[in-house]
């Protein structure tokens, strides 16, 4: 009997192959066994309309380039031709700005993760020096060392990289909802669209634009610039084109957030009504279970609640705030932050107790809660449909913003043929002048150095999925 995983993978391949054959039979698309490229020139005039905002596009692409690649990009664009003292001062200023941005938006991700929090200062410096590319590479390196050390002693480790396919559940990974295909398509259209807009703004020819399909599923979008023009172009112009895609994904995150905020404001009267109904439906908040310990990537952590809180108790208050619903409890826990939290509960014997809890190393307290609904409570018409709509909107935009960030980070990796790989060949070229090689050979060398280094790191990060 076939292994279920093999049957599953075989079924996916067969589905992709059959649907690709259908596309080949009934369209003019270029097909490659499991994949298809739908090309068109119909939408190219749209790129020209957006390309008129030249100053904004220059600023946007160069800021994105610096966020993605750090000081090498800043130095290449603005400082390398200055006097040494002025060059150092300018780079120091950029370093400080990048660190401020890192501390404002990314530092909490490192400090929250027990695998990386001991390297917090190194992560800060890494982002200040090399932007998102440096941050990502350091994350992969730290995780690779953790994986190797645990595999040697026979302990399970978490993969540092893993496929995220909407609608497909991989062991140990979160399920990406099926509607994330739409999120992915929007993100890739933004990504490739910005490449096209910057290419047209810089005067490069675009041969076509279109979608890349796996079977009938959209997995990418593309614009097809004239590569010979890009190779001969002014390096700064080419850099703007290369950086435009991931920069567009970064810029789209606050835009998506603003759109979501507007939707929620418009939805707020309905949301308030739904919240009122929900509050009235809850009899009390119940402590479902108390865990003895946690396992995270092969490491075990104590549960602060174990031995202090009793399962099947009624949760009364958190930090003297009465708890009426799970939402109230979640808000109170969030407000407590890293400080000690005071919890009052009533156990199954009717005794009221109060305990103090401190988050453990992975930010957990060690108990789960749920709501006890009043018996025979009557919900108004369309209540559950509206709740589902509200949840869908939040989830859709949440994945849209998360995937935008992930695709931007991935594309800034200095790995050919990604955008970051092409950028790296340009901005690191001046640092290899001592080799006395011609430009083309030096760019190839830079590409090979990053290619082999990153491929090894990615392979090590994927080991838990293989072994």
Protein backbone atom coordinates (compact mmCIF):
# COMPACT_ATOMS: atom_id res chain seq x y z
CA UNK A 1 0.00 0.00 0.00
CA UNK A 2 1.34 3.44 -0.97
CA UNK A 3 2.41 5.86 1.71
CA UNK A 4 -0.32 8.56 2.12
CA UNK A 5 2.24 11.34 1.64
CA UNK A 6 3.45 9.81 -1.64
CA UNK A 7 -0.16 9.37 -2.81
CA UNK A 8 -0.92 12.98 -1.90
CA UNK A 9 2.11 14.35 -3.78
CA UNK A 10 1.37 12.09 -6.75
CA UNK A 11 -2.23 13.33 -6.84
CA UNK A 12 -1.08 16.96 -6.88
CA UNK A 13 1.38 16.28 -9.72
CA UNK A 14 -1.29 14.45 -11.73
CA UNK A 15 -3.74 17.33 -11.21
CA UNK A 16 -1.17 19.90 -12.32
CA UNK A 17 -0.22 17.82 -15.37
CA UNK A 18 -3.82 17.29 -16.56
CA UNK A 19 -4.86 20.93 -16.08
CA UNK A 20 -1.70 22.10 -17.86
CA UNK A 21 -2.59 19.83 -20.81
CA UNK A 22 -6.07 21.43 -20.93
CA UNK A 23 -4.54 24.92 -20.93
CA UNK A 24 -2.17 23.88 -23.71
CA UNK A 25 -5.07 22.48 -25.76
CA UNK A 26 -7.42 25.46 -25.50
CA UNK A 27 -5.11 28.51 -25.15
CA UNK A 28 -1.97 29.97 -26.71
CA UNK A 29 -0.07 29.88 -23.42
CA UNK A 30 3.49 28.60 -23.21
CA UNK A 31 3.37 25.36 -21.20
CA UNK A 32 6.10 23.37 -19.47
CA UNK A 33 4.56 20.05 -18.30
CA UNK A 34 3.17 21.33 -14.98
CA UNK A 35 3.45 25.09 -15.52
CA UNK A 36 2.08 27.68 -17.93
CA UNK A 37 2.91 31.27 -18.82
CA UNK A 38 0.02 33.45 -19.92
CA UNK A 39 1.59 36.38 -21.75
CA UNK A 40 -0.09 39.57 -22.96
CA UNK A 41 0.77 43.09 -24.07
CA UNK A 42 -2.75 44.37 -23.43
CA UNK A 43 -2.04 45.84 -20.00
CA UNK A 44 1.34 47.40 -20.74
CA UNK A 45 -0.12 50.93 -21.29
CA UNK A 46 -1.10 50.91 -17.58
CA UNK A 47 2.58 50.76 -16.66
CA UNK A 48 3.21 53.98 -18.58
CA UNK A 49 0.39 55.76 -16.73
CA UNK A 50 1.96 55.03 -13.35
CA UNK A 51 5.51 55.69 -14.54
CA UNK A 52 4.91 59.46 -14.77
CA UNK A 53 5.42 59.91 -10.99
CA UNK A 54 9.19 59.98 -11.42
CA UNK A 55 10.34 61.67 -8.19
CA UNK A 56 8.14 59.50 -6.01
CA UNK A 57 9.24 56.33 -7.81
CA UNK A 58 12.93 57.22 -7.40
CA UNK A 59 12.54 57.88 -3.67
CA UNK A 60 10.34 54.83 -3.11
CA UNK A 61 12.65 52.40 -4.93
CA UNK A 62 15.84 53.71 -3.31
CA UNK A 63 14.39 53.69 0.21
CA UNK A 64 13.21 50.13 -0.41
CA UNK A 65 16.66 49.22 -1.69
CA UNK A 66 18.31 50.54 1.50
CA UNK A 67 15.79 48.76 3.75
CA UNK A 68 16.41 45.58 1.85
CA UNK A 69 20.21 45.63 1.53
CA UNK A 70 21.37 48.10 4.20
CA UNK A 71 24.59 50.14 4.13
CA UNK A 72 26.09 48.61 0.95
CA UNK A 73 23.05 49.97 -0.95
CA UNK A 74 23.16 53.35 0.80
CA UNK A 75 26.88 53.67 0.26
CA UNK A 76 26.58 52.75 -3.44
CA UNK A 77 23.76 55.22 -4.06
CA UNK A 78 24.89 58.25 -2.04
CA UNK A 79 28.26 58.03 -0.28
CA UNK A 80 30.94 56.08 -2.16
CA UNK A 81 32.17 59.07 -4.18
CA UNK A 82 32.42 61.40 -1.16
CA UNK A 83 35.51 62.17 0.90
CA UNK A 84 36.34 59.45 3.43
CA UNK A 85 35.25 61.47 6.49
CA UNK A 86 32.00 62.53 4.83
CA UNK A 87 31.39 58.99 3.58
CA UNK A 88 31.84 57.55 7.07
CA UNK A 89 29.54 60.18 8.61
CA UNK A 90 26.81 59.53 6.04
CA UNK A 91 27.00 55.76 6.55
CA UNK A 92 26.93 56.18 10.33
CA UNK A 93 23.78 58.28 10.01
CA UNK A 94 22.14 55.63 7.80
CA UNK A 95 23.19 52.92 10.28
CA UNK A 96 21.51 54.76 13.16
CA UNK A 97 18.30 55.31 11.15
CA UNK A 98 18.14 51.62 10.21
CA UNK A 99 18.62 50.60 13.86
CA UNK A 100 15.80 52.95 14.94
CA UNK A 101 13.51 51.40 12.31
CA UNK A 102 14.52 47.91 13.41
CA UNK A 103 13.83 48.63 17.08
CA UNK A 104 10.46 50.12 16.14
CA UNK A 105 9.16 47.29 13.94
CA UNK A 106 11.23 44.07 14.00
CA UNK A 107 13.10 43.72 17.31
CA UNK A 108 10.16 42.12 19.13
CA UNK A 109 10.23 39.16 16.72
CA UNK A 110 13.79 38.33 17.78
CA UNK A 111 13.25 38.96 21.50
CA UNK A 112 10.09 36.81 21.53
CA UNK A 113 11.79 33.78 19.96
CA UNK A 114 13.83 31.73 22.48
CA UNK A 115 16.14 30.61 19.64
CA UNK A 116 17.15 34.17 18.77
CA UNK A 117 16.64 36.38 21.83
CA UNK A 118 20.17 35.72 23.13
CA UNK A 119 21.45 37.23 19.86
CA UNK A 120 19.32 40.39 20.07
CA UNK A 121 22.26 42.81 19.84
CA UNK A 122 23.77 40.91 16.89
CA UNK A 123 20.43 41.05 15.06
CA UNK A 124 20.25 44.79 15.69
CA UNK A 125 23.72 45.34 14.23
CA UNK A 126 22.99 42.97 11.35
CA UNK A 127 19.91 44.93 10.28
CA UNK A 128 21.77 48.22 10.71
CA UNK A 129 24.53 46.98 8.40
CA UNK A 130 22.70 44.85 5.83
CA UNK A 131 18.96 45.57 6.19
CA UNK A 132 16.37 42.85 5.69
CA UNK A 133 18.87 40.68 3.82
CA UNK A 134 21.24 40.69 6.81
CA UNK A 135 18.39 40.09 9.27
CA UNK A 136 17.11 37.12 7.24
CA UNK A 137 20.53 35.55 6.70
CA UNK A 138 21.37 35.81 10.41
CA UNK A 139 18.01 34.22 11.29
CA UNK A 140 18.78 31.32 8.95
CA UNK A 141 22.32 30.92 10.33
CA UNK A 142 21.12 30.86 13.98
CA UNK A 143 18.41 28.36 13.13
CA UNK A 144 20.86 26.21 11.13
CA UNK A 145 23.20 25.91 14.15
CA UNK A 146 20.22 25.06 16.38
CA UNK A 147 19.06 22.35 13.96
CA UNK A 148 22.52 20.77 13.62
CA UNK A 149 23.12 20.73 17.39
CA UNK A 150 19.74 19.09 18.05
CA UNK A 151 19.94 16.52 15.25
CA UNK A 152 23.32 15.33 16.62
CA UNK A 153 21.70 14.46 19.96
CA UNK A 154 18.49 13.09 18.44
CA UNK A 155 16.18 15.96 19.40
CA UNK A 156 13.48 17.26 17.08
CA UNK A 157 14.11 20.74 15.72
CA UNK A 158 11.95 23.27 13.91
CA UNK A 159 12.66 23.90 10.22
CA UNK A 160 13.91 27.37 9.40
CA UNK A 161 12.29 27.28 5.97
CA UNK A 162 9.16 25.53 4.79
CA UNK A 163 6.69 25.72 1.91
CA UNK A 164 3.49 27.68 2.50
CA UNK A 165 0.92 26.42 0.01
CA UNK A 166 -2.62 27.77 0.52
CA UNK A 167 -5.03 24.97 1.36
CA UNK A 168 -2.30 22.37 1.98
CA UNK A 169 -1.43 21.29 5.53
CA UNK A 170 2.20 20.31 6.18
CA UNK A 171 3.09 18.55 9.46
CA UNK A 172 4.00 20.99 12.21
CA UNK A 173 3.16 24.06 10.10
CA UNK A 174 0.16 26.41 10.20
CA UNK A 175 -2.55 25.81 7.62
CA UNK A 176 -2.58 28.63 5.10
CA UNK A 177 -6.24 29.20 4.11
CA UNK A 178 -7.27 28.50 0.54
CA UNK A 179 -8.23 32.14 -0.04
CA UNK A 180 -4.55 33.06 0.41
CA UNK A 181 -4.18 32.15 -3.29
CA UNK A 182 -6.00 35.43 -3.97
CA UNK A 183 -3.69 37.24 -1.51
CA UNK A 184 -0.68 35.71 -3.24
CA UNK A 185 -1.94 36.76 -6.67
CA UNK A 186 -2.48 40.37 -5.50
CA UNK A 187 0.99 40.45 -3.95
CA UNK A 188 2.70 39.10 -7.06
CA UNK A 189 0.83 41.52 -9.31
CA UNK A 190 2.04 44.37 -7.07
CA UNK A 191 5.57 42.96 -7.13
CA UNK A 192 5.87 42.50 -10.88
CA UNK A 193 3.78 45.58 -11.63
CA UNK A 194 6.25 47.77 -9.76
CA UNK A 195 9.14 46.20 -11.67
CA UNK A 196 7.30 47.12 -14.86
CA UNK A 197 6.47 50.66 -13.76
CA UNK A 198 10.09 51.41 -12.82
CA UNK A 199 11.35 49.80 -16.03
CA UNK A 200 9.08 52.02 -18.11
CA UNK A 201 9.95 55.04 -15.98
CA UNK A 202 13.64 54.43 -16.75
CA UNK A 203 12.83 54.02 -20.44
CA UNK A 204 13.33 50.25 -20.75
CA UNK A 205 11.23 48.21 -23.15
CA UNK A 206 8.72 45.72 -21.71
CA UNK A 207 8.07 42.80 -24.06
CA UNK A 208 5.06 41.34 -22.23
CA UNK A 209 3.38 40.80 -18.88
CA UNK A 210 1.35 37.91 -17.54
CA UNK A 211 0.70 35.15 -15.04
CA UNK A 212 2.63 32.00 -14.14
CA UNK A 213 0.34 29.04 -13.40
CA UNK A 214 0.95 25.69 -11.73
CA UNK A 215 -1.83 23.75 -13.40
CA UNK A 216 -4.66 26.24 -13.08
CA UNK A 217 -3.37 27.79 -9.84
CA UNK A 218 -1.70 31.22 -10.06
CA UNK A 219 1.73 31.07 -8.43
CA UNK A 220 3.30 34.16 -9.92
CA UNK A 221 3.08 37.21 -12.12
CA UNK A 222 5.79 38.59 -14.35
CA UNK A 223 6.86 41.41 -16.60
CA UNK A 224 9.36 40.66 -19.33
CA UNK A 225 11.82 43.55 -19.75
CA UNK A 226 14.49 43.69 -22.38
CA UNK A 227 17.40 42.08 -20.49
CA UNK A 228 20.02 43.39 -22.93
CA UNK A 229 18.89 46.96 -22.21
CA UNK A 230 19.12 46.31 -18.46
CA UNK A 231 22.65 44.91 -18.78
CA UNK A 232 23.85 47.99 -20.67
CA UNK A 233 21.94 50.50 -18.52
CA UNK A 234 23.25 52.92 -15.91
CA UNK A 235 23.67 50.73 -12.75
CA UNK A 236 21.59 53.09 -10.61
CA UNK A 237 18.67 52.83 -13.04
CA UNK A 238 18.94 49.04 -13.08
CA UNK A 239 19.06 48.95 -9.26
CA UNK A 240 15.79 50.89 -9.07
CA UNK A 241 14.14 48.37 -11.39
CA UNK A 242 15.48 45.37 -9.43
CA UNK A 243 14.44 46.87 -6.08
CA UNK A 244 11.00 47.99 -7.23
CA UNK A 245 9.27 44.62 -6.74
CA UNK A 246 10.14 43.86 -3.10
CA UNK A 247 9.95 47.59 -2.30
CA UNK A 248 6.40 47.59 -3.68
CA UNK A 249 5.55 44.68 -1.38
CA UNK A 250 6.92 46.58 1.63
CA UNK A 251 5.04 49.77 0.67
CA UNK A 252 1.81 47.83 0.16
CA UNK A 253 1.76 46.64 3.80
CA UNK A 254 0.80 50.06 5.31
CA UNK A 255 -1.58 50.59 2.37
CA UNK A 256 -3.34 47.29 3.10
CA UNK A 257 -3.43 48.24 6.79
CA UNK A 258 -5.09 51.58 5.97
CA UNK A 259 -7.66 49.84 3.75
CA UNK A 260 -8.41 47.36 6.54
CA UNK A 261 -8.76 50.21 9.06
CA UNK A 262 -11.24 52.00 6.79
CA UNK A 263 -13.27 48.81 6.36
CA UNK A 264 -13.32 48.24 10.12
CA UNK A 265 -14.42 51.84 10.75
CA UNK A 266 -17.28 51.42 8.27
CA UNK A 267 -18.10 48.07 9.84
CA UNK A 268 -17.86 49.41 13.43
CA UNK A 269 -21.62 49.94 14.08
CA UNK A 270 -22.30 46.34 13.07
CA UNK A 271 -19.23 45.17 14.98
CA UNK A 272 -20.41 46.95 18.13
CA UNK A 273 -23.81 45.30 17.82
CA UNK A 274 -22.21 41.87 17.35
CA UNK A 275 -19.95 42.48 20.35
CA UNK A 276 -22.95 43.41 22.51
CA UNK A 277 -24.76 40.22 21.53
CA UNK A 278 -21.62 38.18 22.23
CA UNK A 279 -21.14 39.77 25.67
CA UNK A 280 -24.76 39.01 26.60
CA UNK A 281 -24.42 35.39 25.45
CA UNK A 282 -21.50 34.52 27.76
CA UNK A 283 -22.24 33.16 31.22
CA UNK A 284 -18.60 33.07 32.33
CA UNK A 285 -15.07 32.38 31.14
CA UNK A 286 -13.80 28.90 31.96
CA UNK A 287 -10.19 27.75 32.50
CA UNK A 288 -10.16 24.63 30.34
CA UNK A 289 -6.74 23.16 30.96
CA UNK A 290 -3.42 23.79 32.64
CA UNK A 291 -0.29 22.51 30.92
CA UNK A 292 2.64 21.02 32.82
CA UNK A 293 5.27 22.19 30.34
CA UNK A 294 5.75 23.25 26.71
CA UNK A 295 7.91 21.91 23.93
CA UNK A 296 9.19 24.39 21.35
CA UNK A 297 11.58 23.25 18.61
CA UNK A 298 12.91 20.42 20.77
CA UNK A 299 13.34 22.57 23.89
CA UNK A 300 11.12 22.18 26.96
CA UNK A 301 9.84 25.11 29.01
CA UNK A 302 8.06 25.20 32.36
CA UNK A 303 4.43 26.24 32.61
CA UNK A 304 3.99 29.16 35.07
CA UNK A 305 0.35 28.15 35.72
CA UNK A 306 1.06 24.53 36.59
CA UNK A 307 0.37 23.85 40.28
CA UNK A 308 -1.11 27.33 40.76
CA UNK A 309 -4.28 27.35 38.67
CA UNK A 310 -6.87 24.56 38.61
CA UNK A 311 -8.49 23.32 35.43
CA UNK A 312 -12.32 23.61 35.12
CA UNK A 313 -12.28 26.78 37.22
CA UNK A 314 -14.17 29.99 36.58
CA UNK A 315 -11.88 32.89 35.62
CA UNK A 316 -12.95 35.98 37.58
CA UNK A 317 -10.42 38.75 36.96
CA UNK A 318 -6.98 39.62 35.62
CA UNK A 319 -5.11 42.44 37.35
CA UNK A 320 -8.34 43.44 39.12
CA UNK A 321 -10.20 43.76 35.79
CA UNK A 322 -13.37 41.65 35.69
CA UNK A 323 -13.27 39.08 32.91
CA UNK A 324 -16.60 38.75 31.08
CA UNK A 325 -15.48 37.19 27.77
CA UNK A 326 -12.38 35.67 26.17
CA UNK A 327 -11.85 39.02 24.43
CA UNK A 328 -11.70 40.79 27.82
CA UNK A 329 -9.22 38.17 29.06
CA UNK A 330 -7.02 38.47 25.96
CA UNK A 331 -6.94 42.27 26.23
CA UNK A 332 -6.02 42.10 29.92
CA UNK A 333 -3.24 39.57 29.26
CA UNK A 334 -1.89 41.73 26.42
CA UNK A 335 -1.99 44.83 28.63
CA UNK A 336 0.04 43.02 31.30
CA UNK A 337 2.95 42.73 28.88
CA UNK A 338 6.03 41.29 30.55
CA UNK A 339 4.89 42.35 34.04
CA UNK A 340 3.61 39.93 36.65
CA UNK A 341 -0.08 39.15 36.21
CA UNK A 342 -2.56 38.71 39.07
CA UNK A 343 -5.32 36.17 38.34
CA UNK A 344 -8.42 35.48 40.42
CA UNK A 345 -10.48 32.34 39.82
CA UNK A 346 -13.17 30.23 41.44
CA UNK A 347 -12.39 26.50 41.51
CA UNK A 348 -14.84 23.63 41.15
CA UNK A 349 -15.30 23.55 44.95
CA UNK A 350 -16.48 27.15 44.99
CA UNK A 351 -13.29 28.54 46.56
CA UNK A 352 -11.97 31.87 45.28
CA UNK A 353 -8.19 32.01 44.84
CA UNK A 354 -5.70 34.57 43.58
CA UNK A 355 -2.27 33.82 42.12
CA UNK A 356 0.56 35.73 40.45
CA UNK A 357 2.01 34.54 37.14
CA UNK A 358 4.97 35.63 35.03
CA UNK A 359 5.31 34.74 31.34
CA UNK A 360 7.85 32.03 30.60
CA UNK A 361 10.65 32.27 28.02
CA UNK A 362 8.28 31.84 25.07
CA UNK A 363 5.69 34.28 26.39
CA UNK A 364 3.21 31.66 27.62
CA UNK A 365 1.35 31.32 30.94
CA UNK A 366 0.31 27.70 30.50
CA UNK A 367 -3.48 27.71 30.65
CA UNK A 368 -6.26 27.77 28.08
CA UNK A 369 -9.67 29.39 28.37
CA UNK A 370 -13.08 29.19 26.69
CA UNK A 371 -16.51 30.71 27.08
CA UNK A 372 -19.46 29.04 28.76
CA UNK A 373 -22.53 30.14 26.79
CA UNK A 374 -25.86 30.76 28.54
CA UNK A 375 -28.38 28.01 28.04
CA UNK A 376 -31.17 28.71 25.55
CA UNK A 377 -29.63 32.02 24.50
CA UNK A 378 -31.26 33.20 21.26
CA UNK A 379 -28.95 34.82 18.70
CA UNK A 380 -30.39 37.43 16.30
CA UNK A 381 -30.74 36.59 12.58
CA UNK A 382 -27.52 36.57 10.50
CA UNK A 383 -25.35 36.83 13.63
CA UNK A 384 -23.07 33.92 12.74
CA UNK A 385 -22.88 34.94 9.07
CA UNK A 386 -21.73 38.43 10.06
CA UNK A 387 -19.23 37.01 12.56
CA UNK A 388 -17.78 34.82 9.80
CA UNK A 389 -17.59 37.80 7.43
CA UNK A 390 -15.78 39.85 10.06
CA UNK A 391 -13.33 37.00 10.70
CA UNK A 392 -12.75 36.51 6.97
CA UNK A 393 -11.91 40.21 6.46
CA UNK A 394 -9.40 40.19 9.32
CA UNK A 395 -7.84 36.90 8.21
CA UNK A 396 -7.66 37.91 4.55
CA UNK A 397 -5.86 41.19 5.23
CA UNK A 398 -3.70 39.52 7.88
CA UNK A 399 -2.38 37.00 5.35
CA UNK A 400 -2.12 39.71 2.71
CA UNK A 401 0.22 41.75 4.92
CA UNK A 402 2.18 38.76 6.23
CA UNK A 403 2.78 37.27 2.78
CA UNK A 404 3.74 40.71 1.43
CA UNK A 405 6.46 40.93 4.09
CA UNK A 406 7.66 37.36 3.50
CA UNK A 407 7.88 37.80 -0.27
CA UNK A 408 9.73 41.12 0.14
CA UNK A 409 12.21 39.53 2.59
CA UNK A 410 12.73 36.49 0.36
CA UNK A 411 13.31 38.58 -2.75
CA UNK A 412 15.92 40.75 -1.03
CA UNK A 413 18.09 37.69 -0.32
CA UNK A 414 21.31 38.08 -2.37
CA UNK A 415 20.55 34.88 -4.26
CA UNK A 416 20.31 34.69 -8.04
CA UNK A 417 18.01 34.87 -9.88
CA UNK A 418 16.07 36.72 -7.14
CA UNK A 419 16.01 40.53 -7.16
CA UNK A 420 18.46 40.56 -4.25
CA UNK A 421 20.94 38.46 -6.21
CA UNK A 422 20.96 40.91 -9.10
CA UNK A 423 21.21 43.85 -6.70
CA UNK A 424 24.14 42.26 -4.86
CA UNK A 425 26.13 41.87 -8.09
CA UNK A 426 25.90 45.64 -8.60
CA UNK A 427 26.34 47.08 -5.10
CA UNK A 428 29.15 44.72 -3.99
CA UNK A 429 31.10 45.15 -7.23
CA UNK A 430 33.24 48.10 -5.93
CA UNK A 431 34.40 46.01 -2.93
CA UNK A 432 35.92 43.36 -5.23
CA UNK A 433 38.06 45.78 -7.25
CA UNK A 434 41.24 44.46 -5.61
CA UNK A 435 40.84 41.22 -7.63
CA UNK A 436 41.62 43.11 -10.85
CA UNK A 437 39.01 41.06 -12.75
CA UNK A 438 36.74 42.38 -15.48
CA UNK A 439 33.23 43.51 -14.53
CA UNK A 440 31.38 40.49 -15.91
CA UNK A 441 33.62 37.92 -14.23
CA UNK A 442 33.49 39.80 -10.92
CA UNK A 443 29.68 39.87 -11.00
CA UNK A 444 29.66 36.12 -11.67
CA UNK A 445 32.00 35.55 -8.72
CA UNK A 446 29.79 37.61 -6.39
CA UNK A 447 26.77 35.63 -7.57
CA UNK A 448 28.49 32.29 -6.97
CA UNK A 449 29.69 33.24 -3.47
CA UNK A 450 26.21 34.20 -2.32
CA UNK A 451 24.57 31.33 -4.23
CA UNK A 452 26.55 28.54 -2.58
CA UNK A 453 26.54 30.11 0.87
CA UNK A 454 22.77 30.68 0.88
CA UNK A 455 21.93 27.31 -0.69
CA UNK A 456 23.90 25.52 2.06
CA UNK A 457 22.16 27.58 4.76
CA UNK A 458 18.72 26.92 3.21
CA UNK A 459 19.45 23.19 2.99
CA UNK A 460 20.44 23.07 6.66
CA UNK A 461 17.26 24.93 7.58
CA UNK A 462 15.17 22.43 5.62
CA UNK A 463 16.76 19.34 7.25
CA UNK A 464 13.91 18.78 9.78
CA UNK A 465 11.51 18.44 6.83
CA UNK A 466 13.74 15.78 5.23
CA UNK A 467 15.12 13.66 8.09
